[in-house]
Amino acid sequence: LHSNSDKGDGSVKYILTGEGAGTIFIIDDTTGDIHSTKSLDREQKTHYVLHAQAIDRRTNKPLEPESEFIIKVQDINDNAPKFTDGPYIVTVPEMSDMGTSVLQVTATDADDPTYGNSARVVYSILQGQPYFSVDPKTGVIRTALHNMDREAREHYSVVIQAKDMAGQVGGLSGSTTVNITLTDVNDNPPRFPQNATMLKIIVGDVDEPPLFSMPSYVMEVYENAKIGTIVGTVLAQDPDSANSLV
């Protein structure tokens, strides 16, 4: 600060009042130079309103009216993106079309969104390819393969990264994990363990040839067995989970 009344003879004294005066900001009462006494964090406070005045050092009377000025704290990229939630647990039906939306993740950056690219976040996938993809702008996760089969693999752990500075080198980043489970759809027919397609029953000692030349169960029953006698049991299995009742 400098007053027109200051002739450089030390007769002018500069005083400072307002937000942070004497604690965060100090003034050299002879030169009018203002200094900060500690690091300033824009995310805690963006600006300070101060008042300065030049007075006569001998009489303490003002030499001119008090003036107001504002110190604005300029942003630097000192905050990494953070995901609001997570880890995430979601499901998607197996055999979904490629590009099916699974989940949208969101990361926030405390830096100034109006200044540079410090708060401009882009998303990328660190783990989970080639099964899933993420939109770099929106954070929407989608399936990236056709016909993902729950019976082949049910659980996936996908790691998503959010990086500021629009993804440029030197940007800060944060990550989150999305645990995805494929839910069952009825895409498998029941099958017999022996892959049998017909039942061959032997009555007594007589082994008549089967009607068809196909894999079969072989069971025996006495020729004089009563009606309703249990001959045997056949069992079919279905690899589906929610749709496996035969």
C-alpha atoms as a PDB file:
ATOM      1  CA  LEU A   1       0.000   0.000   0.000  1.00  0.00           C
ATOM      2  CA  HIS A   2       1.152   3.554  -0.618  1.00  0.00           C
ATOM      3  CA  SER A   3      -0.380   6.900   0.186  1.00  0.00           C
ATOM      4  CA  ASN A   4       0.173  10.079  -1.838  1.00  0.00           C
ATOM      5  CA  SER A   5       0.813  11.765   1.482  1.00  0.00           C
ATOM      6  CA  ASP A   6       3.858   9.586   2.072  1.00  0.00           C
ATOM      7  CA  LYS A   7       7.027  11.599   1.402  1.00  0.00           C
ATOM      8  CA  GLY A   8       9.288   8.758   2.463  1.00  0.00           C
ATOM      9  CA  ASP A   9      10.368  10.416   5.684  1.00  0.00           C
ATOM     10  CA  GLY A  10       8.678   7.854   7.949  1.00  0.00           C
ATOM     11  CA  SER A  11       5.967  10.234   9.119  1.00  0.00           C
ATOM     12  CA  VAL A  12       3.194   8.105   7.607  1.00  0.00           C
ATOM     13  CA  LYS A  13       2.003   4.999   9.396  1.00  0.00           C
ATOM     14  CA  TYR A  14      -0.017   2.299   7.651  1.00  0.00           C
ATOM     15  CA  ILE A  15      -2.606   0.288   9.561  1.00  0.00           C
ATOM     16  CA  LEU A  16      -4.591  -2.755   8.481  1.00  0.00           C
ATOM     17  CA  THR A  17      -7.966  -4.057   9.705  1.00  0.00           C
ATOM     18  CA  GLY A  18     -10.474  -6.637   8.533  1.00  0.00           C
ATOM     19  CA  GLU A  19     -10.525 -10.402   7.953  1.00  0.00           C
ATOM     20  CA  GLY A  20      -7.266 -11.966   9.115  1.00  0.00           C
ATOM     21  CA  ALA A  21      -5.538  -8.656   9.849  1.00  0.00           C
ATOM     22  CA  GLY A  22      -2.792  -9.158  12.412  1.00  0.00           C
ATOM     23  CA  THR A  23      -3.056 -12.967  12.266  1.00  0.00           C
ATOM     24  CA  ILE A  24      -3.089 -14.132   8.663  1.00  0.00           C
ATOM     25  CA  PHE A  25      -1.958 -10.826   7.158  1.00  0.00           C
ATOM     26  CA  ILE A  26       0.492  -8.331   8.622  1.00  0.00           C
ATOM     27  CA  ILE A  27       1.538  -4.956   7.305  1.00  0.00           C
ATOM     28  CA  ASP A  28       4.836  -3.128   7.541  1.00  0.00           C
ATOM     29  CA  ASP A  29       3.580   0.132   9.028  1.00  0.00           C
ATOM     30  CA  THR A  30       6.385   2.110   7.410  1.00  0.00           C
ATOM     31  CA  THR A  31       6.483   0.749   3.856  1.00  0.00           C
ATOM     32  CA  GLY A  32       2.879  -0.475   3.514  1.00  0.00           C
ATOM     33  CA  ASP A  33       3.998  -3.934   2.373  1.00  0.00           C
ATOM     34  CA  ILE A  34       1.495  -6.670   3.252  1.00  0.00           C
ATOM     35  CA  HIS A  35       2.607 -10.246   3.917  1.00  0.00           C
ATOM     36  CA  SER A  36       0.785 -13.472   4.721  1.00  0.00           C
ATOM     37  CA  THR A  37       1.922 -15.319   7.814  1.00  0.00           C
ATOM     38  CA  LYS A  38       0.657 -18.778   6.822  1.00  0.00           C
ATOM     39  CA  SER A  39      -0.391 -20.848   3.838  1.00  0.00           C
ATOM     40  CA  LEU A  40      -3.772 -19.971   2.405  1.00  0.00           C
ATOM     41  CA  ASP A  41      -6.248 -22.647   1.351  1.00  0.00           C
ATOM     42  CA  ARG A  42      -8.771 -21.583  -1.269  1.00  0.00           C
ATOM     43  CA  GLU A  43     -10.999 -24.541  -0.388  1.00  0.00           C
ATOM     44  CA  GLN A  44     -11.357 -23.117   3.145  1.00  0.00           C
ATOM     45  CA  LYS A  45     -11.739 -19.454   2.197  1.00  0.00           C
ATOM     46  CA  THR A  46     -11.717 -17.949  -1.283  1.00  0.00           C
ATOM     47  CA  HIS A  47     -11.145 -14.281  -0.423  1.00  0.00           C
ATOM     48  CA  TYR A  48     -10.502 -11.820   2.402  1.00  0.00           C
ATOM     49  CA  VAL A  49     -11.901  -8.306   2.777  1.00  0.00           C
ATOM     50  CA  LEU A  50      -9.403  -5.895   4.365  1.00  0.00           C
ATOM     51  CA  HIS A  51      -9.297  -2.188   5.143  1.00  0.00           C
ATOM     52  CA  ALA A  52      -6.201  -0.004   5.066  1.00  0.00           C
ATOM     53  CA  GLN A  53      -5.525   3.545   6.165  1.00  0.00           C
ATOM     54  CA  ALA A  54      -2.628   5.951   6.268  1.00  0.00           C
ATOM     55  CA  ILE A  55      -2.313   8.008   9.447  1.00  0.00           C
ATOM     56  CA  ASP A  56       0.096  10.594  10.774  1.00  0.00           C
ATOM     57  CA  ARG A  57       2.568   8.754  12.962  1.00  0.00           C
ATOM     58  CA  ARG A  58       2.873  11.663  15.401  1.00  0.00           C
ATOM     59  CA  THR A  59      -0.779  12.642  15.772  1.00  0.00           C
ATOM     60  CA  ASN A  60      -2.492   9.318  14.831  1.00  0.00           C
ATOM     61  CA  LYS A  61      -4.893  11.339  12.687  1.00  0.00           C
ATOM     62  CA  PRO A  62      -5.997   9.927   9.295  1.00  0.00           C
ATOM     63  CA  LEU A  63      -4.261  11.429   6.315  1.00  0.00           C
ATOM     64  CA  GLU A  64      -6.919  10.123   3.906  1.00  0.00           C
ATOM     65  CA  PRO A  65     -10.161   8.059   4.076  1.00  0.00           C
ATOM     66  CA  GLU A  66     -10.005   4.364   4.798  1.00  0.00           C
ATOM     67  CA  SER A  67      -9.857   2.160   1.688  1.00  0.00           C
ATOM     68  CA  GLU A  68     -11.191  -1.374   1.192  1.00  0.00           C
ATOM     69  CA  PHE A  69      -9.488  -4.046  -0.840  1.00  0.00           C
ATOM     70  CA  ILE A  70     -10.018  -7.752  -1.451  1.00  0.00           C
ATOM     71  CA  ILE A  71      -7.384 -10.472  -1.461  1.00  0.00           C
ATOM     72  CA  LYS A  72      -8.475 -13.362  -3.648  1.00  0.00           C
ATOM     73  CA  VAL A  73      -6.844 -16.754  -3.142  1.00  0.00           C
ATOM     74  CA  GLN A  74      -5.972 -18.185  -6.538  1.00  0.00           C
ATOM     75  CA  ASP A  75      -6.592 -21.895  -7.025  1.00  0.00           C
ATOM     76  CA  ILE A  76      -3.908 -24.515  -7.620  1.00  0.00           C
ATOM     77  CA  ASN A  77      -4.476 -28.201  -8.246  1.00  0.00           C
ATOM     78  CA  ASP A  78      -3.999 -29.485  -4.703  1.00  0.00           C
ATOM     79  CA  ASN A  79      -7.078 -31.705  -4.343  1.00  0.00           C
ATOM     80  CA  ALA A  80      -7.510 -35.172  -5.856  1.00  0.00           C
ATOM     81  CA  PRO A  81     -10.928 -36.314  -7.111  1.00  0.00           C
ATOM     82  CA  LYS A  82     -12.947 -38.290  -4.561  1.00  0.00           C
ATOM     83  CA  PHE A  83     -15.825 -40.667  -5.148  1.00  0.00           C
ATOM     84  CA  THR A  84     -18.904 -39.791  -3.118  1.00  0.00           C
ATOM     85  CA  ASP A  85     -19.715 -43.447  -2.393  1.00  0.00           C
ATOM     86  CA  GLY A  86     -18.076 -46.825  -2.688  1.00  0.00           C
ATOM     87  CA  PRO A  87     -17.116 -49.505  -2.868  1.00  0.00           C
ATOM     88  CA  TYR A  88     -20.195 -50.197  -4.961  1.00  0.00           C
ATOM     89  CA  ILE A  89     -22.152 -53.455  -5.154  1.00  0.00           C
ATOM     90  CA  VAL A  90     -24.405 -53.865  -8.207  1.00  0.00           C
ATOM     91  CA  THR A  91     -25.964 -56.552 -10.382  1.00  0.00           C
ATOM     92  CA  VAL A  92     -26.685 -56.938 -14.089  1.00  0.00           C
ATOM     93  CA  PRO A  93     -28.501 -59.812 -15.837  1.00  0.00           C
ATOM     94  CA  GLU A  94     -26.312 -62.315 -17.650  1.00  0.00           C
ATOM     95  CA  MET A  95     -26.619 -62.387 -21.438  1.00  0.00           C
ATOM     96  CA  SER A  96     -27.310 -58.623 -21.449  1.00  0.00           C
ATOM     97  CA  ASP A  97     -26.697 -56.786 -24.705  1.00  0.00           C
ATOM     98  CA  MET A  98     -23.293 -55.183 -25.095  1.00  0.00           C
ATOM     99  CA  GLY A  99     -23.520 -51.581 -23.889  1.00  0.00           C
ATOM    100  CA  THR A 100     -26.072 -52.282 -21.151  1.00  0.00           C
ATOM    101  CA  SER A 101     -25.798 -49.636 -18.419  1.00  0.00           C
ATOM    102  CA  VAL A 102     -24.639 -51.061 -15.088  1.00  0.00           C
ATOM    103  CA  LEU A 103     -23.983 -48.030 -12.844  1.00  0.00           C
ATOM    104  CA  GLN A 104     -22.961 -44.375 -12.921  1.00  0.00           C
ATOM    105  CA  VAL A 105     -20.148 -43.383 -10.564  1.00  0.00           C
ATOM    106  CA  THR A 106     -19.381 -39.777  -9.664  1.00  0.00           C
ATOM    107  CA  ALA A 107     -16.190 -38.199  -8.356  1.00  0.00           C
ATOM    108  CA  THR A 108     -15.955 -34.642  -7.046  1.00  0.00           C
ATOM    109  CA  ASP A 109     -12.952 -32.319  -6.955  1.00  0.00           C
ATOM    110  CA  ALA A 110     -12.721 -29.538  -4.366  1.00  0.00           C
ATOM    111  CA  ASP A 111     -10.616 -27.316  -6.631  1.00  0.00           C
ATOM    112  CA  ASP A 112     -12.108 -24.323  -8.454  1.00  0.00           C
ATOM    113  CA  PRO A 113     -14.217 -25.533 -11.416  1.00  0.00           C
ATOM    114  CA  THR A 114     -14.097 -22.071 -13.019  1.00  0.00           C
ATOM    115  CA  TYR A 115     -10.314 -21.828 -13.117  1.00  0.00           C
ATOM    116  CA  GLY A 116      -8.270 -23.977 -15.489  1.00  0.00           C
ATOM    117  CA  ASN A 117      -8.685 -27.758 -15.502  1.00  0.00           C
ATOM    118  CA  SER A 118      -7.992 -28.402 -11.820  1.00  0.00           C
ATOM    119  CA  ALA A 119     -11.506 -29.746 -11.247  1.00  0.00           C
ATOM    120  CA  ARG A 120     -12.161 -31.197 -14.710  1.00  0.00           C
ATOM    121  CA  VAL A 121     -12.459 -34.944 -14.106  1.00  0.00           C
ATOM    122  CA  VAL A 122     -12.261 -37.787 -16.627  1.00  0.00           C
ATOM    123  CA  TYR A 123     -12.951 -41.451 -15.878  1.00  0.00           C
ATOM    124  CA  SER A 124     -11.041 -44.536 -16.968  1.00  0.00           C
ATOM    125  CA  ILE A 125     -11.129 -48.236 -16.136  1.00  0.00           C
ATOM    126  CA  LEU A 126      -8.069 -49.701 -14.431  1.00  0.00           C
ATOM    127  CA  GLN A 127      -9.423 -53.224 -13.876  1.00  0.00           C
ATOM    128  CA  GLY A 128     -12.344 -55.022 -15.451  1.00  0.00           C
ATOM    129  CA  GLN A 129     -11.569 -55.002 -19.155  1.00  0.00           C
ATOM    130  CA  PRO A 130     -12.585 -56.403 -21.576  1.00  0.00           C
ATOM    131  CA  TYR A 131     -15.830 -57.185 -19.754  1.00  0.00           C
ATOM    132  CA  PHE A 132     -16.822 -53.621 -18.863  1.00  0.00           C
ATOM    133  CA  SER A 133     -16.163 -50.052 -20.032  1.00  0.00           C
ATOM    134  CA  VAL A 134     -16.694 -46.584 -18.558  1.00  0.00           C
ATOM    135  CA  ASP A 135     -17.701 -43.335 -20.264  1.00  0.00           C
ATOM    136  CA  PRO A 136     -14.804 -40.891 -19.673  1.00  0.00           C
ATOM    137  CA  LYS A 137     -17.130 -37.899 -19.232  1.00  0.00           C
ATOM    138  CA  THR A 138     -20.201 -39.269 -17.445  1.00  0.00           C
ATOM    139  CA  GLY A 139     -18.772 -42.170 -15.399  1.00  0.00           C
ATOM    140  CA  VAL A 140     -21.420 -44.585 -16.706  1.00  0.00           C
ATOM    141  CA  ILE A 141     -20.219 -48.199 -16.576  1.00  0.00           C
ATOM    142  CA  ARG A 142     -21.498 -50.518 -19.307  1.00  0.00           C
ATOM    143  CA  THR A 143     -21.095 -54.125 -20.371  1.00  0.00           C
ATOM    144  CA  ALA A 144     -18.463 -54.443 -23.082  1.00  0.00           C
ATOM    145  CA  LEU A 145     -19.031 -58.020 -24.291  1.00  0.00           C
ATOM    146  CA  HIS A 146     -21.938 -59.934 -25.791  1.00  0.00           C
ATOM    147  CA  ASN A 147     -23.529 -62.849 -23.930  1.00  0.00           C
ATOM    148  CA  MET A 148     -21.671 -62.718 -20.628  1.00  0.00           C
ATOM    149  CA  ASP A 149     -22.481 -66.087 -19.047  1.00  0.00           C
ATOM    150  CA  ARG A 150     -23.111 -66.361 -15.301  1.00  0.00           C
ATOM    151  CA  GLU A 151     -22.480 -70.112 -15.450  1.00  0.00           C
ATOM    152  CA  ALA A 152     -18.952 -69.370 -16.735  1.00  0.00           C
ATOM    153  CA  ARG A 153     -18.181 -66.463 -14.371  1.00  0.00           C
ATOM    154  CA  GLU A 154     -20.464 -64.763 -11.887  1.00  0.00           C
ATOM    155  CA  HIS A 155     -18.480 -62.059 -10.055  1.00  0.00           C
ATOM    156  CA  TYR A 156     -16.338 -59.190 -11.377  1.00  0.00           C
ATOM    157  CA  SER A 157     -14.291 -56.572  -9.523  1.00  0.00           C
ATOM    158  CA  VAL A 158     -14.025 -53.380 -11.569  1.00  0.00           C
ATOM    159  CA  VAL A 159     -11.705 -50.517 -10.578  1.00  0.00           C
ATOM    160  CA  ILE A 160     -12.585 -47.039 -11.884  1.00  0.00           C
ATOM    161  CA  GLN A 161     -10.169 -44.095 -11.776  1.00  0.00           C
ATOM    162  CA  ALA A 162     -11.096 -40.399 -11.797  1.00  0.00           C
ATOM    163  CA  LYS A 163      -8.299 -38.030 -12.828  1.00  0.00           C
ATOM    164  CA  ASP A 164      -8.389 -34.227 -12.831  1.00  0.00           C
ATOM    165  CA  MET A 165      -6.637 -31.823 -15.205  1.00  0.00           C
ATOM    166  CA  ALA A 166      -8.788 -33.439 -17.911  1.00  0.00           C
ATOM    167  CA  GLY A 167      -6.645 -36.558 -17.618  1.00  0.00           C
ATOM    168  CA  GLN A 168      -3.414 -34.779 -18.510  1.00  0.00           C
ATOM    169  CA  VAL A 169      -0.002 -35.766 -17.195  1.00  0.00           C
ATOM    170  CA  GLY A 170       0.495 -34.348 -13.713  1.00  0.00           C
ATOM    171  CA  GLY A 171      -3.162 -34.550 -12.760  1.00  0.00           C
ATOM    172  CA  LEU A 172      -4.264 -35.996  -9.439  1.00  0.00           C
ATOM    173  CA  SER A 173      -6.425 -39.104  -9.273  1.00  0.00           C
ATOM    174  CA  GLY A 174      -8.649 -41.194  -7.048  1.00  0.00           C
ATOM    175  CA  SER A 175     -10.207 -44.611  -7.571  1.00  0.00           C
ATOM    176  CA  THR A 176     -13.091 -46.762  -6.420  1.00  0.00           C
ATOM    177  CA  THR A 177     -14.104 -50.417  -6.733  1.00  0.00           C
ATOM    178  CA  VAL A 178     -17.357 -51.641  -8.263  1.00  0.00           C
ATOM    179  CA  ASN A 179     -18.284 -55.252  -7.452  1.00  0.00           C
ATOM    180  CA  ILE A 180     -20.565 -56.545 -10.195  1.00  0.00           C
ATOM    181  CA  THR A 181     -22.541 -59.801 -10.035  1.00  0.00           C
ATOM    182  CA  LEU A 182     -24.268 -61.370 -13.024  1.00  0.00           C
ATOM    183  CA  THR A 183     -27.800 -62.412 -12.113  1.00  0.00           C
ATOM    184  CA  ASP A 184     -29.315 -65.570 -13.527  1.00  0.00           C
ATOM    185  CA  VAL A 185     -31.582 -65.856 -16.554  1.00  0.00           C
ATOM    186  CA  ASN A 186     -33.108 -69.089 -17.828  1.00  0.00           C
ATOM    187  CA  ASP A 187     -30.619 -69.845 -20.601  1.00  0.00           C
ATOM    188  CA  ASN A 188     -29.842 -73.522 -19.926  1.00  0.00           C
ATOM    189  CA  PRO A 189     -32.075 -76.582 -20.483  1.00  0.00           C
ATOM    190  CA  PRO A 190     -32.111 -79.398 -17.908  1.00  0.00           C
ATOM    191  CA  ARG A 191     -29.622 -82.183 -18.615  1.00  0.00           C
ATOM    192  CA  PHE A 192     -29.275 -85.714 -17.296  1.00  0.00           C
ATOM    193  CA  PRO A 193     -25.843 -86.464 -15.804  1.00  0.00           C
ATOM    194  CA  GLN A 194     -25.340 -89.431 -18.136  1.00  0.00           C
ATOM    195  CA  ASN A 195     -26.746 -87.361 -20.991  1.00  0.00           C
ATOM    196  CA  ALA A 196     -29.331 -90.138 -21.314  1.00  0.00           C
ATOM    197  CA  THR A 197     -32.164 -89.611 -23.749  1.00  0.00           C
ATOM    198  CA  MET A 198     -34.043 -92.849 -23.194  1.00  0.00           C
ATOM    199  CA  LEU A 199     -34.653 -95.383 -20.446  1.00  0.00           C
ATOM    200  CA  LYS A 200     -33.819 -99.046 -21.020  1.00  0.00           C
ATOM    201  CA  ILE A 201     -35.448-101.463 -18.597  1.00  0.00           C
ATOM    202  CA  ILE A 202     -34.397-105.092 -18.320  1.00  0.00           C
ATOM    203  CA  VAL A 203     -37.179-107.424 -17.265  1.00  0.00           C
ATOM    204  CA  GLY A 204     -35.837-110.564 -15.597  1.00  0.00           C
ATOM    205  CA  ASP A 205     -33.019-112.015 -17.632  1.00  0.00           C
ATOM    206  CA  VAL A 206     -34.274-110.774 -20.958  1.00  0.00           C
ATOM    207  CA  ASP A 207     -32.334-107.907 -22.431  1.00  0.00           C
ATOM    208  CA  GLU A 208     -34.272-106.619 -25.323  1.00  0.00           C
ATOM    209  CA  PRO A 209     -32.490-104.216 -27.662  1.00  0.00           C
ATOM    210  CA  PRO A 210     -33.300-100.511 -27.165  1.00  0.00           C
ATOM    211  CA  LEU A 211     -35.589 -98.739 -29.571  1.00  0.00           C
ATOM    212  CA  PHE A 212     -32.953 -96.145 -30.335  1.00  0.00           C
ATOM    213  CA  SER A 213     -29.190 -96.253 -30.327  1.00  0.00           C
ATOM    214  CA  MET A 214     -28.708 -93.451 -27.789  1.00  0.00           C
ATOM    215  CA  PRO A 215     -27.132 -93.071 -24.345  1.00  0.00           C
ATOM    216  CA  SER A 216     -29.416 -94.613 -21.787  1.00  0.00           C
ATOM    217  CA  TYR A 217     -30.012 -95.573 -18.194  1.00  0.00           C
ATOM    218  CA  VAL A 218     -30.114 -99.336 -17.533  1.00  0.00           C
ATOM    219  CA  MET A 219     -32.449-100.591 -14.810  1.00  0.00           C
ATOM    220  CA  GLU A 220     -33.730-104.035 -13.822  1.00  0.00           C
ATOM    221  CA  VAL A 221     -37.103-105.216 -12.517  1.00  0.00           C
ATOM    222  CA  TYR A 222     -38.507-108.645 -11.885  1.00  0.00           C
ATOM    223  CA  GLU A 223     -41.106-109.805 -14.373  1.00  0.00           C
ATOM    224  CA  ASN A 224     -43.636-110.472 -11.634  1.00  0.00           C
ATOM    225  CA  ALA A 225     -43.209-107.057 -10.002  1.00  0.00           C
ATOM    226  CA  LYS A 226     -46.431-105.431  -8.771  1.00  0.00           C
ATOM    227  CA  ILE A 227     -47.866-102.363 -10.443  1.00  0.00           C
ATOM    228  CA  GLY A 228     -46.296 -99.280  -8.944  1.00  0.00           C
ATOM    229  CA  THR A 229     -43.029-100.938  -8.033  1.00  0.00           C
ATOM    230  CA  ILE A 230     -40.177 -98.400  -8.148  1.00  0.00           C
ATOM    231  CA  VAL A 231     -37.854 -99.384 -10.949  1.00  0.00           C
ATOM    232  CA  GLY A 232     -35.294 -96.593 -10.428  1.00  0.00           C
ATOM    233  CA  THR A 233     -34.790 -92.861 -10.384  1.00  0.00           C
ATOM    234  CA  VAL A 234     -33.571 -90.520 -13.100  1.00  0.00           C
ATOM    235  CA  LEU A 235     -32.233 -87.051 -12.236  1.00  0.00           C
ATOM    236  CA  ALA A 236     -31.816 -84.050 -14.513  1.00  0.00           C
ATOM    237  CA  GLN A 237     -29.644 -81.075 -13.554  1.00  0.00           C
ATOM    238  CA  ASP A 238     -29.964 -77.423 -14.577  1.00  0.00           C
ATOM    239  CA  PRO A 239     -26.899 -75.155 -14.269  1.00  0.00           C
ATOM    240  CA  ASP A 240     -29.104 -72.085 -13.834  1.00  0.00           C
ATOM    241  CA  SER A 241     -29.582 -70.870 -10.265  1.00  0.00           C
ATOM    242  CA  ALA A 242     -32.896 -69.043 -10.003  1.00  0.00           C
ATOM    243  CA  ASN A 243     -34.352 -71.085 -12.840  1.00  0.00           C
ATOM    244  CA  SER A 244     -33.104 -74.574 -11.956  1.00  0.00           C
ATOM    245  CA  LEU A 245     -36.325 -76.152 -10.639  1.00  0.00           C
ATOM    246  CA  VAL A 246     -36.981 -79.183 -12.873  1.00  0.00           C
END
